[in-house]
């Protein structure tokens, strides 16, 4: 798993046919993060489960397969009514990965350092 603050690049980020879609997905991620946090804070478990399910299904299509199993664990924890601490732990892992997603390719970011 990625370490905190380690950029997570899409496997499709350098593909000219998909780069714009990846950019859009990455641009919308801060909104998704806020939504996930709000759903957890409001204890809207079913909506949080649906959001995790959507991320699980879409992440791989945008070249971020690393998000899929983590989103799946959150979805499972919610579907099986695990303790709130377990849900929160899975959510925090997913949020960390979501915050790490980047558009482009790793070599493009390297030149900016």
PDB file of N, CA and C in Angstrom:
ATOM      1  N   UNK A   1       0.838  -1.184   0.000  1.00  0.00           N
ATOM      2  CA  UNK A   1       0.000   0.000   0.000  1.00  0.00           C
ATOM      3  C   UNK A   1       0.878   1.241   0.000  1.00  0.00           C
ATOM      4  N   UNK A   2       0.354   2.296  -0.581  1.00  0.00           N
ATOM      5  CA  UNK A   2       1.099   3.546  -0.624  1.00  0.00           C
ATOM      6  C   UNK A   2       1.251   4.132   0.774  1.00  0.00           C
ATOM      7  N   UNK A   3       2.366   4.794   0.990  1.00  0.00           N
ATOM      8  CA  UNK A   3       2.579   5.507   2.231  1.00  0.00           C
ATOM      9  C   UNK A   3       1.848   6.837   2.145  1.00  0.00           C
ATOM     10  N   UNK A   4       1.484   7.424   3.286  1.00  0.00           N
ATOM     11  CA  UNK A   4       0.831   8.723   3.237  1.00  0.00           C
ATOM     12  C   UNK A   4       1.678   9.732   2.449  1.00  0.00           C
ATOM     13  N   UNK A   5       1.020  10.581   1.722  1.00  0.00           N
ATOM     14  CA  UNK A   5       1.650  11.630   0.916  1.00  0.00           C
ATOM     15  C   UNK A   5       2.433  11.101  -0.279  1.00  0.00           C
ATOM     16  N   UNK A   6       2.351   9.820  -0.579  1.00  0.00           N
ATOM     17  CA  UNK A   6       2.984   9.268  -1.763  1.00  0.00           C
ATOM     18  C   UNK A   6       1.986   9.367  -2.908  1.00  0.00           C
ATOM     19  N   UNK A   7       2.326  10.097  -3.970  1.00  0.00           N
ATOM     20  CA  UNK A   7       1.376  10.238  -5.081  1.00  0.00           C
ATOM     21  C   UNK A   7       1.001   8.882  -5.683  1.00  0.00           C
ATOM     22  N   UNK A   8      -0.238   8.753  -6.050  1.00  0.00           N
ATOM     23  CA  UNK A   8      -0.764   7.550  -6.674  1.00  0.00           C
ATOM     24  C   UNK A   8      -1.216   7.934  -8.078  1.00  0.00           C
ATOM     25  N   UNK A   9      -0.472   7.494  -9.064  1.00  0.00           N
ATOM     26  CA  UNK A   9      -0.759   7.849 -10.455  1.00  0.00           C
ATOM     27  C   UNK A   9      -1.595   6.774 -11.127  1.00  0.00           C
ATOM     28  N   UNK A  10      -2.433   7.232 -12.026  1.00  0.00           N
ATOM     29  CA  UNK A  10      -3.267   6.321 -12.802  1.00  0.00           C
ATOM     30  C   UNK A  10      -2.414   5.542 -13.786  1.00  0.00           C
ATOM     31  N   UNK A  11      -2.750   4.282 -13.955  1.00  0.00           N
ATOM     32  CA  UNK A  11      -2.092   3.464 -14.977  1.00  0.00           C
ATOM     33  C   UNK A  11      -2.438   3.986 -16.377  1.00  0.00           C
ATOM     34  N   UNK A  12      -3.462   4.816 -16.466  1.00  0.00           N
ATOM     35  CA  UNK A  12      -3.906   5.356 -17.758  1.00  0.00           C
ATOM     36  C   UNK A  12      -3.517   6.817 -17.942  1.00  0.00           C
ATOM     37  N   UNK A  13      -2.820   7.392 -16.971  1.00  0.00           N
ATOM     38  CA  UNK A  13      -2.502   8.817 -16.981  1.00  0.00           C
ATOM     39  C   UNK A  13      -1.700   9.295 -18.166  1.00  0.00           C
ATOM     40  N   UNK A  14      -0.878   8.445 -18.711  1.00  0.00           N
ATOM     41  CA  UNK A  14      -0.064   8.860 -19.852  1.00  0.00           C
ATOM     42  C   UNK A  14      -0.669   8.418 -21.185  1.00  0.00           C
ATOM     43  N   UNK A  15      -1.830   7.787 -21.141  1.00  0.00           N
ATOM     44  CA  UNK A  15      -2.511   7.359 -22.353  1.00  0.00           C
ATOM     45  C   UNK A  15      -3.344   8.527 -22.886  1.00  0.00           C
ATOM     46  N   UNK A  16      -3.007   9.046 -24.067  1.00  0.00           N
ATOM     47  CA  UNK A  16      -3.722  10.219 -24.581  1.00  0.00           C
ATOM     48  C   UNK A  16      -5.222  10.004 -24.760  1.00  0.00           C
ATOM     49  N   UNK A  17      -5.642   8.761 -24.927  1.00  0.00           N
ATOM     50  CA  UNK A  17      -7.066   8.479 -25.093  1.00  0.00           C
ATOM     51  C   UNK A  17      -7.830   8.559 -23.770  1.00  0.00           C
ATOM     52  N   UNK A  18      -7.135   8.444 -22.655  1.00  0.00           N
ATOM     53  CA  UNK A  18      -7.789   8.413 -21.352  1.00  0.00           C
ATOM     54  C   UNK A  18      -7.375   9.553 -20.424  1.00  0.00           C
ATOM     55  N   UNK A  19      -6.345  10.296 -20.780  1.00  0.00           N
ATOM     56  CA  UNK A  19      -5.792  11.312 -19.879  1.00  0.00           C
ATOM     57  C   UNK A  19      -6.837  12.327 -19.432  1.00  0.00           C
ATOM     58  N   UNK A  20      -7.705  12.775 -20.328  1.00  0.00           N
ATOM     59  CA  UNK A  20      -8.719  13.764 -19.946  1.00  0.00           C
ATOM     60  C   UNK A  20      -9.711  13.188 -18.941  1.00  0.00           C
ATOM     61  N   UNK A  21     -10.084  11.928 -19.125  1.00  0.00           N
ATOM     62  CA  UNK A  21     -11.001  11.278 -18.181  1.00  0.00           C
ATOM     63  C   UNK A  21     -10.348  11.110 -16.810  1.00  0.00           C
ATOM     64  N   UNK A  22      -9.084  10.737 -16.813  1.00  0.00           N
ATOM     65  CA  UNK A  22      -8.342  10.587 -15.561  1.00  0.00           C
ATOM     66  C   UNK A  22      -8.250  11.943 -14.867  1.00  0.00           C
ATOM     67  N   UNK A  23      -7.960  12.987 -15.631  1.00  0.00           N
ATOM     68  CA  UNK A  23      -7.887  14.338 -15.059  1.00  0.00           C
ATOM     69  C   UNK A  23      -9.197  14.706 -14.375  1.00  0.00           C
ATOM     70  N   UNK A  24     -10.303  14.435 -15.031  1.00  0.00           N
ATOM     71  CA  UNK A  24     -11.617  14.739 -14.474  1.00  0.00           C
ATOM     72  C   UNK A  24     -11.862  13.949 -13.182  1.00  0.00           C
ATOM     73  N   UNK A  25     -11.534  12.671 -13.204  1.00  0.00           N
ATOM     74  CA  UNK A  25     -11.710  11.820 -12.018  1.00  0.00           C
ATOM     75  C   UNK A  25     -10.881  12.365 -10.854  1.00  0.00           C
ATOM     76  N   UNK A  26      -9.650  12.730 -11.125  1.00  0.00           N
ATOM     77  CA  UNK A  26      -8.766  13.263 -10.085  1.00  0.00           C
ATOM     78  C   UNK A  26      -9.280  14.627  -9.597  1.00  0.00           C
ATOM     79  N   UNK A  27      -9.735  15.464 -10.516  1.00  0.00           N
ATOM     80  CA  UNK A  27     -10.258  16.782 -10.136  1.00  0.00           C
ATOM     81  C   UNK A  27     -11.479  16.677  -9.226  1.00  0.00           C
ATOM     82  N   UNK A  28     -12.281  15.627  -9.409  1.00  0.00           N
ATOM     83  CA  UNK A  28     -13.485  15.448  -8.598  1.00  0.00           C
ATOM     84  C   UNK A  28     -13.211  14.754  -7.266  1.00  0.00           C
ATOM     85  N   UNK A  29     -12.006  14.240  -7.081  1.00  0.00           N
ATOM     86  CA  UNK A  29     -11.712  13.466  -5.874  1.00  0.00           C
ATOM     87  C   UNK A  29     -11.834  14.273  -4.581  1.00  0.00           C
ATOM     88  N   UNK A  30     -11.390  15.527  -4.516  1.00  0.00           N
ATOM     89  CA  UNK A  30     -11.571  16.262  -3.254  1.00  0.00           C
ATOM     90  C   UNK A  30     -13.047  16.354  -2.833  1.00  0.00           C
ATOM     91  N   UNK A  31     -13.945  16.496  -3.807  1.00  0.00           N
ATOM     92  CA  UNK A  31     -15.377  16.508  -3.519  1.00  0.00           C
ATOM     93  C   UNK A  31     -15.833  15.164  -2.955  1.00  0.00           C
ATOM     94  N   UNK A  32     -15.333  14.084  -3.538  1.00  0.00           N
ATOM     95  CA  UNK A  32     -15.693  12.745  -3.044  1.00  0.00           C
ATOM     96  C   UNK A  32     -15.206  12.545  -1.612  1.00  0.00           C
ATOM     97  N   UNK A  33     -14.004  13.026  -1.332  1.00  0.00           N
ATOM     98  CA  UNK A  33     -13.441  12.892   0.018  1.00  0.00           C
ATOM     99  C   UNK A  33     -14.325  13.614   1.024  1.00  0.00           C
ATOM    100  N   UNK A  34     -14.710  14.845   0.712  1.00  0.00           N
ATOM    101  CA  UNK A  34     -15.579  15.618   1.603  1.00  0.00           C
ATOM    102  C   UNK A  34     -16.915  14.904   1.796  1.00  0.00           C
ATOM    103  N   UNK A  35     -17.455  14.359   0.711  1.00  0.00           N
ATOM    104  CA  UNK A  35     -18.726  13.644   0.789  1.00  0.00           C
ATOM    105  C   UNK A  35     -18.604  12.417   1.694  1.00  0.00           C
ATOM    106  N   UNK A  36     -17.544  11.636   1.533  1.00  0.00           N
ATOM    107  CA  UNK A  36     -17.351  10.449   2.366  1.00  0.00           C
ATOM    108  C   UNK A  36     -17.239  10.837   3.836  1.00  0.00           C
ATOM    109  N   UNK A  37     -16.490  11.879   4.121  1.00  0.00           N
ATOM    110  CA  UNK A  37     -16.329  12.329   5.505  1.00  0.00           C
ATOM    111  C   UNK A  37     -17.665  12.797   6.088  1.00  0.00           C
ATOM    112  N   UNK A  38     -18.448  13.524   5.289  1.00  0.00           N
ATOM    113  CA  UNK A  38     -19.743  14.018   5.756  1.00  0.00           C
ATOM    114  C   UNK A  38     -20.718  12.869   6.018  1.00  0.00           C
ATOM    115  N   UNK A  39     -20.714  11.880   5.133  1.00  0.00           N
ATOM    116  CA  UNK A  39     -21.601  10.734   5.323  1.00  0.00           C
ATOM    117  C   UNK A  39     -21.240   9.969   6.590  1.00  0.00           C
ATOM    118  N   UNK A  40     -19.948   9.817   6.843  1.00  0.00           N
ATOM    119  CA  UNK A  40     -19.519   9.131   8.063  1.00  0.00           C
ATOM    120  C   UNK A  40     -19.935   9.938   9.296  1.00  0.00           C
ATOM    121  N   UNK A  41     -19.670  11.234   9.266  1.00  0.00           N
ATOM    122  CA  UNK A  41     -19.992  12.091  10.413  1.00  0.00           C
ATOM    123  C   UNK A  41     -21.493  12.093  10.714  1.00  0.00           C
ATOM    124  N   UNK A  42     -22.304  12.017   9.662  1.00  0.00           N
ATOM    125  CA  UNK A  42     -23.764  12.014   9.819  1.00  0.00           C
ATOM    126  C   UNK A  42     -24.321  10.609  10.060  1.00  0.00           C
ATOM    127  N   UNK A  43     -23.435   9.619  10.096  1.00  0.00           N
ATOM    128  CA  UNK A  43     -23.812   8.220  10.276  1.00  0.00           C
ATOM    129  C   UNK A  43     -24.829   7.759   9.236  1.00  0.00           C
ATOM    130  N   UNK A  44     -24.635   8.205   8.015  1.00  0.00           N
ATOM    131  CA  UNK A  44     -25.486   7.779   6.900  1.00  0.00           C
ATOM    132  C   UNK A  44     -24.831   6.554   6.267  1.00  0.00           C
ATOM    133  N   UNK A  45     -24.965   5.450   6.958  1.00  0.00           N
ATOM    134  CA  UNK A  45     -24.229   4.234   6.617  1.00  0.00           C
ATOM    135  C   UNK A  45     -24.587   3.689   5.236  1.00  0.00           C
ATOM    136  N   UNK A  46     -25.866   3.707   4.877  1.00  0.00           N
ATOM    137  CA  UNK A  46     -26.255   3.160   3.578  1.00  0.00           C
ATOM    138  C   UNK A  46     -25.708   4.015   2.442  1.00  0.00           C
ATOM    139  N   UNK A  47     -25.752   5.321   2.593  1.00  0.00           N
ATOM    140  CA  UNK A  47     -25.195   6.209   1.565  1.00  0.00           C
ATOM    141  C   UNK A  47     -23.675   6.068   1.480  1.00  0.00           C
ATOM    142  N   UNK A  48     -23.046   5.907   2.615  1.00  0.00           N
ATOM    143  CA  UNK A  48     -21.594   5.702   2.643  1.00  0.00           C
ATOM    144  C   UNK A  48     -21.246   4.389   1.955  1.00  0.00           C
ATOM    145  N   UNK A  49     -22.042   3.353   2.203  1.00  0.00           N
ATOM    146  CA  UNK A  49     -21.818   2.062   1.545  1.00  0.00           C
ATOM    147  C   UNK A  49     -21.950   2.202   0.034  1.00  0.00           C
ATOM    148  N   UNK A  50     -22.969   2.928  -0.422  1.00  0.00           N
ATOM    149  CA  UNK A  50     -23.153   3.136  -1.869  1.00  0.00           C
ATOM    150  C   UNK A  50     -21.977   3.909  -2.472  1.00  0.00           C
ATOM    151  N   UNK A  51     -21.499   4.914  -1.763  1.00  0.00           N
ATOM    152  CA  UNK A  51     -20.356   5.692  -2.260  1.00  0.00           C
ATOM    153  C   UNK A  51     -19.105   4.823  -2.351  1.00  0.00           C
ATOM    154  N   UNK A  52     -18.887   3.993  -1.340  1.00  0.00           N
ATOM    155  CA  UNK A  52     -17.741   3.073  -1.370  1.00  0.00           C
ATOM    156  C   UNK A  52     -17.880   2.101  -2.537  1.00  0.00           C
ATOM    157  N   UNK A  53     -19.084   1.620  -2.760  1.00  0.00           N
ATOM    158  CA  UNK A  53     -19.342   0.711  -3.874  1.00  0.00           C
ATOM    159  C   UNK A  53     -19.042   1.392  -5.215  1.00  0.00           C
ATOM    160  N   UNK A  54     -19.440   2.641  -5.353  1.00  0.00           N
ATOM    161  CA  UNK A  54     -19.175   3.379  -6.596  1.00  0.00           C
ATOM    162  C   UNK A  54     -17.682   3.547  -6.828  1.00  0.00           C
ATOM    163  N   UNK A  55     -16.956   3.881  -5.779  1.00  0.00           N
ATOM    164  CA  UNK A  55     -15.495   4.029  -5.913  1.00  0.00           C
ATOM    165  C   UNK A  55     -14.876   2.686  -6.260  1.00  0.00           C
ATOM    166  N   UNK A  56     -15.341   1.638  -5.600  1.00  0.00           N
ATOM    167  CA  UNK A  56     -14.829   0.286  -5.873  1.00  0.00           C
ATOM    168  C   UNK A  56     -14.995  -0.058  -7.351  1.00  0.00           C
ATOM    169  N   UNK A  57     -16.149   0.279  -7.895  1.00  0.00           N
ATOM    170  CA  UNK A  57     -16.424  -0.053  -9.291  1.00  0.00           C
ATOM    171  C   UNK A  57     -15.722   0.837 -10.295  1.00  0.00           C
ATOM    172  N   UNK A  58     -15.552   2.096  -9.972  1.00  0.00           N
ATOM    173  CA  UNK A  58     -15.017   3.052 -10.949  1.00  0.00           C
ATOM    174  C   UNK A  58     -13.494   3.195 -10.919  1.00  0.00           C
ATOM    175  N   UNK A  59     -12.890   3.046  -9.776  1.00  0.00           N
ATOM    176  CA  UNK A  59     -11.463   3.347  -9.630  1.00  0.00           C
ATOM    177  C   UNK A  59     -10.591   2.606 -10.638  1.00  0.00           C
ATOM    178  N   UNK A  60     -10.826   1.335 -10.814  1.00  0.00           N
ATOM    179  CA  UNK A  60     -10.032   0.553 -11.763  1.00  0.00           C
ATOM    180  C   UNK A  60     -10.201   1.029 -13.191  1.00  0.00           C
ATOM    181  N   UNK A  61     -11.396   1.490 -13.525  1.00  0.00           N
ATOM    182  CA  UNK A  61     -11.661   1.987 -14.881  1.00  0.00           C
ATOM    183  C   UNK A  61     -10.872   3.250 -15.185  1.00  0.00           C
ATOM    184  N   UNK A  62     -10.489   3.974 -14.141  1.00  0.00           N
ATOM    185  CA  UNK A  62      -9.703   5.187 -14.310  1.00  0.00           C
ATOM    186  C   UNK A  62      -8.217   4.947 -14.056  1.00  0.00           C
ATOM    187  N   UNK A  63      -7.844   3.678 -13.890  1.00  0.00           N
ATOM    188  CA  UNK A  63      -6.435   3.334 -13.722  1.00  0.00           C
ATOM    189  C   UNK A  63      -5.940   3.370 -12.296  1.00  0.00           C
ATOM    190  N   UNK A  64      -6.857   3.315 -11.336  1.00  0.00           N
ATOM    191  CA  UNK A  64      -6.488   3.312  -9.925  1.00  0.00           C
ATOM    192  C   UNK A  64      -6.981   2.033  -9.246  1.00  0.00           C
ATOM    193  N   UNK A  65      -6.489   0.868  -9.658  1.00  0.00           N
ATOM    194  CA  UNK A  65      -6.976  -0.380  -9.073  1.00  0.00           C
ATOM    195  C   UNK A  65      -6.644  -0.529  -7.588  1.00  0.00           C
ATOM    196  N   UNK A  66      -5.718   0.267  -7.087  1.00  0.00           N
ATOM    197  CA  UNK A  66      -5.341   0.190  -5.679  1.00  0.00           C
ATOM    198  C   UNK A  66      -6.497   0.603  -4.772  1.00  0.00           C
ATOM    199  N   UNK A  67      -7.402   1.432  -5.268  1.00  0.00           N
ATOM    200  CA  UNK A  67      -8.541   1.880  -4.475  1.00  0.00           C
ATOM    201  C   UNK A  67      -9.613   0.800  -4.342  1.00  0.00           C
ATOM    202  N   UNK A  68      -9.679  -0.086  -5.325  1.00  0.00           N
ATOM    203  CA  UNK A  68     -10.762  -1.064  -5.386  1.00  0.00           C
ATOM    204  C   UNK A  68     -10.850  -1.952  -4.146  1.00  0.00           C
ATOM    205  N   UNK A  69      -9.783  -2.610  -3.711  1.00  0.00           N
ATOM    206  CA  UNK A  69      -9.929  -3.486  -2.540  1.00  0.00           C
ATOM    207  C   UNK A  69     -10.205  -2.717  -1.245  1.00  0.00           C
ATOM    208  N   UNK A  70      -9.670  -1.520  -1.128  1.00  0.00           N
ATOM    209  CA  UNK A  70      -9.890  -0.724   0.081  1.00  0.00           C
ATOM    210  C   UNK A  70     -11.343  -0.261   0.136  1.00  0.00           C
ATOM    211  N   UNK A  71     -11.862   0.211  -0.997  1.00  0.00           N
ATOM    212  CA  UNK A  71     -13.273   0.599  -1.059  1.00  0.00           C
ATOM    213  C   UNK A  71     -14.163  -0.617  -0.804  1.00  0.00           C
ATOM    214  N   UNK A  72     -13.740  -1.769  -1.300  1.00  0.00           N
ATOM    215  CA  UNK A  72     -14.486  -3.003  -1.069  1.00  0.00           C
ATOM    216  C   UNK A  72     -14.528  -3.386   0.402  1.00  0.00           C
ATOM    217  N   UNK A  73     -13.431  -3.164   1.107  1.00  0.00           N
ATOM    218  CA  UNK A  73     -13.411  -3.470   2.550  1.00  0.00           C
ATOM    219  C   UNK A  73     -14.347  -2.541   3.312  1.00  0.00           C
ATOM    220  N   UNK A  74     -14.366  -1.264   2.905  1.00  0.00           N
ATOM    221  CA  UNK A  74     -15.286  -0.326   3.542  1.00  0.00           C
ATOM    222  C   UNK A  74     -16.728  -0.731   3.252  1.00  0.00           C
ATOM    223  N   UNK A  75     -17.011  -1.043   2.010  1.00  0.00           N
ATOM    224  CA  UNK A  75     -18.357  -1.481   1.641  1.00  0.00           C
ATOM    225  C   UNK A  75     -18.758  -2.709   2.452  1.00  0.00           C
ATOM    226  N   UNK A  76     -17.864  -3.673   2.575  1.00  0.00           N
ATOM    227  CA  UNK A  76     -18.149  -4.892   3.335  1.00  0.00           C
ATOM    228  C   UNK A  76     -18.402  -4.584   4.810  1.00  0.00           C
ATOM    229  N   UNK A  77     -17.570  -3.718   5.382  1.00  0.00           N
ATOM    230  CA  UNK A  77     -17.742  -3.358   6.795  1.00  0.00           C
ATOM    231  C   UNK A  77     -19.114  -2.731   7.035  1.00  0.00           C
ATOM    232  N   UNK A  78     -19.541  -1.924   6.078  1.00  0.00           N
ATOM    233  CA  UNK A  78     -20.850  -1.290   6.199  1.00  0.00           C
ATOM    234  C   UNK A  78     -21.982  -2.284   5.951  1.00  0.00           C
ATOM    235  N   UNK A  79     -21.815  -3.151   4.976  1.00  0.00           N
ATOM    236  CA  UNK A  79     -22.846  -4.137   4.631  1.00  0.00           C
ATOM    237  C   UNK A  79     -23.078  -5.149   5.741  1.00  0.00           C
ATOM    238  N   UNK A  80     -22.038  -5.422   6.496  1.00  0.00           N
ATOM    239  CA  UNK A  80     -22.130  -6.422   7.563  1.00  0.00           C
ATOM    240  C   UNK A  80     -22.238  -5.789   8.946  1.00  0.00           C
ATOM    241  N   UNK A  81     -22.532  -4.483   8.977  1.00  0.00           N
ATOM    242  CA  UNK A  81     -22.744  -3.751  10.233  1.00  0.00           C
ATOM    243  C   UNK A  81     -21.605  -3.956  11.233  1.00  0.00           C
ATOM    244  N   UNK A  82     -20.370  -3.802  10.746  1.00  0.00           N
ATOM    245  CA  UNK A  82     -19.213  -3.896  11.634  1.00  0.00           C
ATOM    246  C   UNK A  82     -19.227  -2.722  12.614  1.00  0.00           C
ATOM    247  N   UNK A  83     -18.466  -2.815  13.691  1.00  0.00           N
ATOM    248  CA  UNK A  83     -18.404  -1.710  14.652  1.00  0.00           C
ATOM    249  C   UNK A  83     -17.916  -0.417  13.968  1.00  0.00           C
ATOM    250  N   UNK A  84     -18.360   0.698  14.502  1.00  0.00           N
ATOM    251  CA  UNK A  84     -18.007   1.988  13.915  1.00  0.00           C
ATOM    252  C   UNK A  84     -16.493   2.175  13.796  1.00  0.00           C
ATOM    253  N   UNK A  85     -15.739   1.671  14.757  1.00  0.00           N
ATOM    254  CA  UNK A  85     -14.278   1.792  14.710  1.00  0.00           C
ATOM    255  C   UNK A  85     -13.706   1.081  13.476  1.00  0.00           C
ATOM    256  N   UNK A  86     -14.281  -0.057  13.132  1.00  0.00           N
ATOM    257  CA  UNK A  86     -13.839  -0.803  11.943  1.00  0.00           C
ATOM    258  C   UNK A  86     -14.195  -0.033  10.670  1.00  0.00           C
ATOM    259  N   UNK A  87     -15.380   0.526  10.641  1.00  0.00           N
ATOM    260  CA  UNK A  87     -15.802   1.340   9.492  1.00  0.00           C
ATOM    261  C   UNK A  87     -14.867   2.535   9.353  1.00  0.00           C
ATOM    262  N   UNK A  88     -14.585   3.198  10.462  1.00  0.00           N
ATOM    263  CA  UNK A  88     -13.718   4.373  10.428  1.00  0.00           C
ATOM    264  C   UNK A  88     -12.311   4.019   9.962  1.00  0.00           C
ATOM    265  N   UNK A  89     -11.779   2.912  10.423  1.00  0.00           N
ATOM    266  CA  UNK A  89     -10.433   2.495  10.014  1.00  0.00           C
ATOM    267  C   UNK A  89     -10.375   2.258   8.506  1.00  0.00           C
ATOM    268  N   UNK A  90     -11.380   1.595   7.979  1.00  0.00           N
ATOM    269  CA  UNK A  90     -11.422   1.356   6.539  1.00  0.00           C
ATOM    270  C   UNK A  90     -11.634   2.651   5.767  1.00  0.00           C
ATOM    271  N   UNK A  91     -12.465   3.524   6.283  1.00  0.00           N
ATOM    272  CA  UNK A  91     -12.681   4.815   5.643  1.00  0.00           C
ATOM    273  C   UNK A  91     -11.392   5.618   5.605  1.00  0.00           C
ATOM    274  N   UNK A  92     -10.659   5.650   6.700  1.00  0.00           N
ATOM    275  CA  UNK A  92      -9.410   6.415   6.748  1.00  0.00           C
ATOM    276  C   UNK A  92      -8.398   5.902   5.726  1.00  0.00           C
ATOM    277  N   UNK A  93      -8.325   4.596   5.554  1.00  0.00           N
ATOM    278  CA  UNK A  93      -7.427   4.028   4.536  1.00  0.00           C
ATOM    279  C   UNK A  93      -7.855   4.470   3.143  1.00  0.00           C
ATOM    280  N   UNK A  94      -9.153   4.421   2.890  1.00  0.00           N
ATOM    281  CA  UNK A  94      -9.657   4.828   1.582  1.00  0.00           C
ATOM    282  C   UNK A  94      -9.424   6.318   1.349  1.00  0.00           C
ATOM    283  N   UNK A  95      -9.667   7.134   2.358  1.00  0.00           N
ATOM    284  CA  UNK A  95      -9.457   8.581   2.217  1.00  0.00           C
ATOM    285  C   UNK A  95      -7.992   8.908   1.927  1.00  0.00           C
ATOM    286  N   UNK A  96      -7.086   8.191   2.580  1.00  0.00           N
ATOM    287  CA  UNK A  96      -5.654   8.430   2.340  1.00  0.00           C
ATOM    288  C   UNK A  96      -5.292   8.123   0.897  1.00  0.00           C
ATOM    289  N   UNK A  97      -5.808   7.029   0.371  1.00  0.00           N
ATOM    290  CA  UNK A  97      -5.529   6.694  -1.029  1.00  0.00           C
ATOM    291  C   UNK A  97      -6.205   7.683  -1.977  1.00  0.00           C
ATOM    292  N   UNK A  98      -7.433   8.052  -1.671  1.00  0.00           N
ATOM    293  CA  UNK A  98      -8.134   9.017  -2.522  1.00  0.00           C
ATOM    294  C   UNK A  98      -7.385  10.348  -2.568  1.00  0.00           C
ATOM    295  N   UNK A  99      -6.847  10.760  -1.436  1.00  0.00           N
ATOM    296  CA  UNK A  99      -6.099  12.019  -1.377  1.00  0.00           C
ATOM    297  C   UNK A  99      -4.789  11.937  -2.147  1.00  0.00           C
ATOM    298  N   UNK A 100      -4.311  10.741  -2.382  1.00  0.00           N
ATOM    299  CA  UNK A 100      -3.024  10.556  -3.059  1.00  0.00           C
ATOM    300  C   UNK A 100      -3.135  10.477  -4.576  1.00  0.00           C
ATOM    301  N   UNK A 101      -4.365  10.347  -5.120  1.00  0.00           N
ATOM    302  CA  UNK A 101      -4.489  10.187  -6.567  1.00  0.00           C
ATOM    303  C   UNK A 101      -4.008  11.438  -7.292  1.00  0.00           C
ATOM    304  N   UNK A 102      -3.350  11.205  -8.416  1.00  0.00           N
ATOM    305  CA  UNK A 102      -2.802  12.287  -9.229  1.00  0.00           C
ATOM    306  C   UNK A 102      -3.063  12.009 -10.701  1.00  0.00           C
ATOM    307  N   UNK A 103      -3.224  13.071 -11.443  1.00  0.00           N
ATOM    308  CA  UNK A 103      -3.332  12.959 -12.893  1.00  0.00           C
ATOM    309  C   UNK A 103      -1.926  12.926 -13.476  1.00  0.00           C
ATOM    310  N   UNK A 104      -1.840  12.579 -14.726  1.00  0.00           N
ATOM    311  CA  UNK A 104      -0.534  12.540 -15.386  1.00  0.00           C
ATOM    312  C   UNK A 104       0.222  11.268 -15.084  1.00  0.00           C
ATOM    313  N   UNK A 105       1.512  11.337 -15.308  1.00  0.00           N
ATOM    314  CA  UNK A 105       2.379  10.183 -15.097  1.00  0.00           C
ATOM    315  C   UNK A 105       3.450  10.559 -14.080  1.00  0.00           C
ATOM    316  N   UNK A 106       4.002   9.588 -13.356  1.00  0.00           N
ATOM    317  CA  UNK A 106       4.993   9.889 -12.315  1.00  0.00           C
ATOM    318  C   UNK A 106       6.188  10.672 -12.833  1.00  0.00           C
ATOM    319  N   UNK A 107       6.638  10.373 -14.032  1.00  0.00           N
ATOM    320  CA  UNK A 107       7.814  11.075 -14.561  1.00  0.00           C
ATOM    321  C   UNK A 107       7.515  12.546 -14.819  1.00  0.00           C
ATOM    322  N   UNK A 108       6.234  12.894 -15.078  1.00  0.00           N
ATOM    323  CA  UNK A 108       5.865  14.292 -15.292  1.00  0.00           C
ATOM    324  C   UNK A 108       5.985  15.055 -13.979  1.00  0.00           C
ATOM    325  N   UNK A 109       5.603  14.425 -12.868  1.00  0.00           N
ATOM    326  CA  UNK A 109       5.688  15.067 -11.558  1.00  0.00           C
ATOM    327  C   UNK A 109       7.131  15.170 -11.110  1.00  0.00           C
ATOM    328  N   UNK A 110       7.942  14.206 -11.451  1.00  0.00           N
ATOM    329  CA  UNK A 110       9.332  14.176 -11.034  1.00  0.00           C
ATOM    330  C   UNK A 110      10.076  15.415 -11.532  1.00  0.00           C
ATOM    331  N   UNK A 111       9.790  15.834 -12.749  1.00  0.00           N
ATOM    332  CA  UNK A 111      10.459  16.999 -13.315  1.00  0.00           C
ATOM    333  C   UNK A 111      10.109  18.272 -12.598  1.00  0.00           C
ATOM    334  N   UNK A 112       8.999  18.312 -11.871  1.00  0.00           N
ATOM    335  CA  UNK A 112       8.567  19.511 -11.184  1.00  0.00           C
ATOM    336  C   UNK A 112       9.218  19.660  -9.813  1.00  0.00           C
ATOM    337  N   UNK A 113       9.915  18.647  -9.340  1.00  0.00           N
ATOM    338  CA  UNK A 113      10.490  18.700  -7.990  1.00  0.00           C
ATOM    339  C   UNK A 113      11.737  19.513  -7.944  1.00  0.00           C
TER     340      UNK A 113
END
